[in-house]
C-alpha cells in the first residue's frame, strides 16, 4: 500500500429525527447541547462509529467496544499482549518506541488513523502514536429542541419488598429534529509516520458515508440517523495552497427564508451552498438526501 500522497479535507452533514444522537451522562443522558442551544455530538462518539464501521468491513480494530469484540480480548492490555510482535518489541525501559509504534500501526487501522497511547499499569514506558485523521465535534446548524418522555416498566427489578415497584418512572430523551455538521482532515506528514495509505483513506470515506449502518438502538431507531451529504476534498499535494480553515468554511448552511421563524423539520428546510475557495480542488460530493 502506498502512503497517503494527497492531503484530504472532508465535511459531513447528518440529520437526527426523533433520536438521541449522543447522550450526556452528566445530564441524565439527555442529548448534548451547548450554551447557545446547539446540539453536539462528541468527536469520540463519531470515532467510535467509524471504528465500528471499519470493523464491519473486516478491518482489525484496537479500541473495540465490548459488544462488538471479535478477538476474545477483554481489555486493551490483553489485545496488545495478544500480538506476539508487539510483545517482542516491548523490552521495559529499553523498548524501542518507534518500532513498537510501527508494529501497532501495521496491526490496527484505528491506531494508524487516529493514533493511540499505549500506557499500561506496570509498564516501564508508554508509547504514543499521533494519527493523521482529525475530526471535530459535530454541531447542529440550528438550536435543537429536547423532548422528554416519562416511561414506566411493567415488572419488578428484584423479588421481595426490596424490589422497586413495577410502575417505577424513568425518562427517555430525544431530539425532534437536528441537522448536524462535523469536519475533518487527513494529514500527509503524520500519515507517513503511521503508514496510513490511500487505501485507508478510501475506507475512512466509506465509513463516513455509511456511518449509521448497524448502529440502531432504543435511543437511535433504525433510520432516525442519516448521513445526508459528504464533501471530500482530495488535494493536489501534501501541502495545498488553500488551508483547511478556508475549506471547512466553504459549505454554508442556512434555514430557508420561507420558514419565517418556524422550526426546521427536515434537511429540505435548509439551503446548502458550496462556495469553494479560489484555487481549491473541487470536492467529491456524495449525496444521500
Protein backbone atom coordinates (compact mmCIF):
# COMPACT_ATOMS: atom_id res chain seq x y z
CA UNK A 1 0.00 0.00 0.00
CA UNK A 2 1.23 3.48 -0.88
CA UNK A 3 1.44 6.10 1.86
CA UNK A 4 -1.10 8.93 1.53
CA UNK A 5 0.25 11.39 -1.06
CA UNK A 6 -2.56 13.96 -1.09
CA UNK A 7 -3.98 15.82 1.86
CA UNK A 8 -7.69 15.28 2.44
CA UNK A 9 -10.30 17.55 3.98
CA UNK A 10 -13.89 16.45 4.50
CA UNK A 11 -17.21 17.68 5.82
CA UNK A 12 -20.19 15.55 6.78
CA UNK A 13 -23.82 16.64 7.20
CA UNK A 14 -26.04 14.34 9.26
CA UNK A 15 -29.64 14.53 10.43
CA UNK A 16 -31.30 13.24 13.57
CA UNK A 17 -35.06 12.72 13.68
CA UNK A 18 -36.68 11.62 16.96
CA UNK A 19 -33.35 10.26 18.16
CA UNK A 20 -30.71 10.87 20.81
CA UNK A 21 -27.54 11.34 18.74
CA UNK A 22 -25.17 11.41 21.73
CA UNK A 23 -26.38 11.34 25.34
CA UNK A 24 -24.60 13.32 28.06
CA UNK A 25 -24.01 11.07 31.12
CA UNK A 26 -23.65 14.15 33.35
CA UNK A 27 -27.13 15.34 32.34
CA UNK A 28 -29.28 12.23 32.70
CA UNK A 29 -28.25 11.06 29.21
CA UNK A 30 -30.05 13.98 27.59
CA UNK A 31 -28.83 14.86 24.08
CA UNK A 32 -25.71 17.01 24.30
CA UNK A 33 -26.34 20.73 23.97
CA UNK A 34 -24.13 23.80 24.36
CA UNK A 35 -24.83 27.15 26.00
CA UNK A 36 -26.26 28.54 22.72
CA UNK A 37 -28.81 25.74 22.43
CA UNK A 38 -26.98 23.97 19.61
CA UNK A 39 -26.84 20.20 19.71
CA UNK A 40 -23.47 18.47 19.84
CA UNK A 41 -22.04 15.04 19.10
CA UNK A 42 -18.59 14.44 20.56
CA UNK A 43 -15.66 13.58 18.33
CA UNK A 44 -15.13 10.48 20.48
CA UNK A 45 -18.66 9.30 19.62
CA UNK A 46 -18.03 9.85 15.91
CA UNK A 47 -14.72 7.96 16.01
CA UNK A 48 -16.46 5.09 17.80
CA UNK A 49 -18.94 4.79 14.95
CA UNK A 50 -16.14 4.95 12.36
CA UNK A 51 -14.29 2.18 14.20
CA UNK A 52 -17.45 0.08 14.24
CA UNK A 53 -17.96 0.55 10.50
CA UNK A 54 -14.32 -0.33 9.76
CA UNK A 55 -14.73 -3.42 11.90
CA UNK A 56 -17.85 -4.36 9.92
CA UNK A 57 -15.68 -4.09 6.79
CA UNK A 58 -13.33 -6.72 8.19
CA UNK A 59 -10.60 -4.38 9.44
CA UNK A 60 -8.67 -5.07 12.64
CA UNK A 61 -9.56 -2.56 15.38
CA UNK A 62 -7.60 -1.95 18.58
CA UNK A 63 -10.16 0.11 20.53
CA UNK A 64 -13.17 -2.20 20.26
CA UNK A 65 -16.41 -1.76 22.16
CA UNK A 66 -17.34 -4.64 24.43
CA UNK A 67 -20.48 -5.52 22.46
CA UNK A 68 -18.51 -5.79 19.19
CA UNK A 69 -15.42 -7.60 20.45
CA UNK A 70 -14.29 -10.08 17.79
CA UNK A 71 -10.98 -11.39 19.17
CA UNK A 72 -11.83 -12.57 22.69
CA UNK A 73 -9.72 -9.86 24.37
CA UNK A 74 -11.45 -8.20 27.31
CA UNK A 75 -9.14 -5.16 27.58
CA UNK A 76 -6.71 -3.05 25.59
CA UNK A 77 -3.85 -4.61 27.54
CA UNK A 78 -5.00 -8.10 26.59
CA UNK A 79 -5.31 -7.07 22.95
CA UNK A 80 -1.80 -5.60 22.91
CA UNK A 81 -0.41 -8.73 24.61
CA UNK A 82 -2.14 -10.96 22.07
CA UNK A 83 0.16 -9.56 19.37
CA UNK A 84 3.40 -11.58 19.50
CA UNK A 85 5.36 -8.99 17.53
CA UNK A 86 4.31 -6.25 19.92
CA UNK A 87 5.29 -8.34 22.95
CA UNK A 88 8.73 -8.97 21.46
CA UNK A 89 9.19 -5.24 20.84
CA UNK A 90 8.36 -4.46 24.48
CA UNK A 91 11.59 -4.53 26.48
CA UNK A 92 10.85 -2.44 29.56
CA UNK A 93 12.92 0.74 29.72
CA UNK A 94 14.81 -0.39 26.61
CA UNK A 95 11.67 -0.52 24.45
CA UNK A 96 12.22 0.94 21.01
CA UNK A 97 9.22 3.26 20.86
CA UNK A 98 9.43 3.79 17.10
CA UNK A 99 9.47 0.06 16.41
CA UNK A 100 6.64 -0.53 18.89
CA UNK A 101 4.54 2.18 17.20
CA UNK A 102 5.32 0.82 13.72
CA UNK A 103 4.10 -2.66 14.64
CA UNK A 104 0.94 -1.31 16.29
CA UNK A 105 0.14 0.80 13.23
CA UNK A 106 0.58 -2.20 10.94
CA UNK A 107 -1.72 -4.33 13.09
CA UNK A 108 -4.68 -1.99 13.64
CA UNK A 109 -6.21 0.53 11.24
CA UNK A 110 -7.63 2.73 14.00
CA UNK A 111 -4.16 3.14 15.51
CA UNK A 112 -2.64 4.33 12.24
CA UNK A 113 -5.72 6.51 11.62
CA UNK A 114 -6.50 8.17 14.95
CA UNK A 115 -3.39 7.39 16.96
CA UNK A 116 -3.25 5.71 20.37
CA UNK A 117 -1.45 5.91 23.70
CA UNK A 118 -0.11 2.54 24.87
CA UNK A 119 0.22 3.07 28.62
CA UNK A 120 -0.50 0.08 30.86
CA UNK A 121 -0.03 -0.49 34.57
CA UNK A 122 3.37 -1.94 35.37
CA UNK A 123 4.99 -0.97 32.07
CA UNK A 124 8.23 0.99 32.38
CA UNK A 125 7.48 3.22 29.40
CA UNK A 126 4.45 4.38 27.46
CA UNK A 127 4.26 4.70 23.69
CA UNK A 128 2.24 7.41 21.98
CA UNK A 129 1.13 7.35 18.36
CA UNK A 130 -0.21 10.53 16.77
CA UNK A 131 -2.66 9.73 13.97
CA UNK A 132 -3.25 11.68 10.74
CA UNK A 133 -7.07 11.68 10.88
CA UNK A 134 -8.57 14.51 12.92
CA UNK A 135 -12.31 15.03 13.44
CA UNK A 136 -14.20 17.92 15.01
CA UNK A 137 -17.18 17.88 17.34
CA UNK A 138 -20.44 17.82 15.37
CA UNK A 139 -22.72 20.81 15.98
CA UNK A 140 -26.27 21.41 14.88
CA UNK A 141 -26.94 24.24 12.44
CA UNK A 142 -29.98 25.45 14.40
CA UNK A 143 -30.84 25.24 18.10
CA UNK A 144 -32.40 21.88 18.96
CA UNK A 145 -35.48 21.04 20.99
CA UNK A 146 -35.04 18.23 23.50
CA UNK A 147 -38.20 16.20 24.03
CA UNK A 148 -38.53 14.22 27.26
CA UNK A 149 -40.91 11.32 27.77
CA UNK A 150 -41.78 9.65 31.07
CA UNK A 151 -41.72 5.85 30.88
CA UNK A 152 -42.61 3.02 33.25
CA UNK A 153 -41.66 -0.64 33.48
CA UNK A 154 -44.13 -3.48 33.85
CA UNK A 155 -42.15 -5.78 36.19
CA UNK A 156 -40.15 -5.50 39.42
CA UNK A 157 -36.40 -5.43 39.11
CA UNK A 158 -35.89 -7.61 42.21
CA UNK A 159 -38.01 -10.05 44.21
CA UNK A 160 -39.35 -9.26 47.67
CA UNK A 161 -40.04 -5.99 49.41
CA UNK A 162 -36.67 -4.56 48.40
CA UNK A 163 -37.63 -4.69 44.74
CA UNK A 164 -38.83 -1.47 43.16
CA UNK A 165 -42.48 -1.25 42.18
CA UNK A 166 -43.41 -2.19 38.63
CA UNK A 167 -44.56 1.36 37.90
CA UNK A 168 -41.13 2.90 38.59
CA UNK A 169 -40.77 6.02 36.49
CA UNK A 170 -37.97 6.78 34.08
CA UNK A 171 -37.20 9.34 31.39
CA UNK A 172 -36.34 8.96 27.72
CA UNK A 173 -34.95 11.95 25.85
CA UNK A 174 -34.70 12.68 22.14
CA UNK A 175 -34.18 15.44 19.59
CA UNK A 176 -37.26 16.20 17.46
CA UNK A 177 -35.05 17.16 14.53
CA UNK A 178 -31.49 18.37 14.22
CA UNK A 179 -29.12 18.91 11.30
CA UNK A 180 -25.52 18.39 12.45
CA UNK A 181 -22.20 19.10 10.73
CA UNK A 182 -18.70 17.84 11.51
CA UNK A 183 -15.42 18.40 9.71
CA UNK A 184 -12.08 16.66 9.48
CA UNK A 185 -8.73 16.36 7.77
CA UNK A 186 -6.13 13.73 6.94
CA UNK A 187 -2.56 14.96 7.30
CA UNK A 188 0.08 13.53 4.94
CA UNK A 189 3.06 14.18 7.19
CA UNK A 190 1.51 12.19 10.03
CA UNK A 191 0.32 9.54 7.56
CA UNK A 192 3.98 8.93 6.63
CA UNK A 193 4.78 8.19 10.27
CA UNK A 194 1.92 5.73 10.81
CA UNK A 195 1.84 4.16 7.35
CA UNK A 196 -1.68 5.43 6.65
CA UNK A 197 -2.33 4.81 2.95
CA UNK A 198 -4.56 5.99 0.11
CA UNK A 199 -6.48 2.74 0.54
CA UNK A 200 -7.03 3.55 4.22
CA UNK A 201 -8.38 6.99 3.25
CA UNK A 202 -10.93 5.33 0.95
CA UNK A 203 -12.01 3.09 3.82
CA UNK A 204 -12.46 6.11 6.08
CA UNK A 205 -14.58 7.77 3.37
CA UNK A 206 -16.76 4.67 3.04
CA UNK A 207 -17.17 4.55 6.82
CA UNK A 208 -18.30 8.19 6.87
CA UNK A 209 -20.88 7.61 4.11
CA UNK A 210 -22.31 4.58 5.94
CA UNK A 211 -21.77 5.91 9.46
CA UNK A 212 -25.08 4.77 10.96
CA UNK A 213 -25.36 1.31 9.44
CA UNK A 214 -25.66 -1.35 12.16
CA UNK A 215 -25.91 1.44 14.74
CA UNK A 216 -29.60 1.31 15.67
CA UNK A 217 -30.64 1.23 19.32
CA UNK A 218 -33.54 2.24 21.54
CA UNK A 219 -32.13 5.78 21.57
CA UNK A 220 -31.48 5.79 17.81
CA UNK A 221 -34.12 3.68 15.99
CA UNK A 222 -33.29 2.40 12.52
CA UNK A 223 -33.49 5.28 10.04
CA UNK A 224 -33.57 8.04 12.64
CA UNK A 225 -29.93 8.99 11.99
CA UNK A 226 -28.86 9.70 8.41
CA UNK A 227 -25.72 10.85 6.63
CA UNK A 228 -27.18 13.43 4.26
CA UNK A 229 -24.06 14.51 2.40
CA UNK A 230 -20.28 14.06 2.45
CA UNK A 231 -17.88 16.57 0.91
CA UNK A 232 -14.44 15.05 0.23
CA UNK A 233 -11.57 17.30 -0.92
CA UNK A 234 -8.56 15.33 -2.14
CA UNK A 235 -5.93 17.99 -2.71
CA UNK A 236 -3.22 18.04 -5.38
CA UNK A 237 -0.35 17.58 -2.95
CA UNK A 238 0.72 17.10 0.65
CA UNK A 239 0.52 20.82 1.45
CA UNK A 240 -2.19 22.53 -0.62
CA UNK A 241 -2.30 26.28 -1.19
CA UNK A 242 -5.74 26.53 0.41
CA UNK A 243 -5.87 25.99 4.16
CA UNK A 244 -8.23 23.59 5.93
CA UNK A 245 -9.83 26.58 7.65
CA UNK A 246 -10.94 28.02 4.30
CA UNK A 247 -12.05 24.61 3.04
CA UNK A 248 -14.13 23.97 6.15
CA UNK A 249 -15.87 27.32 5.72
CA UNK A 250 -16.76 26.58 2.10
CA UNK A 251 -20.10 24.92 2.88
CA UNK A 252 -22.75 27.39 4.01
CA UNK A 253 -25.95 26.02 5.56
CA UNK A 254 -28.86 28.32 6.38
CA UNK A 255 -32.52 27.91 7.19
CA UNK A 256 -34.73 28.71 4.21
CA UNK A 257 -36.35 32.14 4.30
CA UNK A 258 -39.83 30.70 3.83
CA UNK A 259 -39.67 29.08 7.27
CA UNK A 260 -40.29 32.58 8.68
CA UNK A 261 -39.10 31.68 12.15
CA UNK A 262 -40.69 28.23 12.30
CA UNK A 263 -38.52 25.32 13.41
CA UNK A 264 -36.97 23.23 10.62
CA UNK A 265 -38.25 19.65 10.45
CA UNK A 266 -36.02 18.15 7.75
CA UNK A 267 -32.89 18.76 5.70
CA UNK A 268 -35.19 20.13 2.97
CA UNK A 269 -35.77 23.18 5.20
CA UNK A 270 -32.16 24.29 4.67
CA UNK A 271 -30.24 25.87 1.82
CA UNK A 272 -26.86 24.16 1.45
CA UNK A 273 -24.43 26.12 -0.72
CA UNK A 274 -20.83 25.29 -1.64
CA UNK A 275 -18.57 28.33 -2.07
CA UNK A 276 -15.37 26.54 -2.96
CA UNK A 277 -12.32 28.76 -2.26
CA UNK A 278 -10.34 30.03 -5.24
CA UNK A 279 -7.50 27.68 -6.04
CA UNK A 280 -9.02 24.72 -4.20
CA UNK A 281 -9.78 21.39 -5.88
CA UNK A 282 -13.42 20.55 -6.45
CA UNK A 283 -14.68 18.16 -3.80
CA UNK A 284 -16.26 14.80 -4.43
CA UNK A 285 -19.85 15.15 -3.21
CA UNK A 286 -21.64 12.03 -2.03
CA UNK A 287 -25.32 12.89 -1.67
CA UNK A 288 -27.76 10.78 0.32
CA UNK A 289 -30.53 13.37 0.61
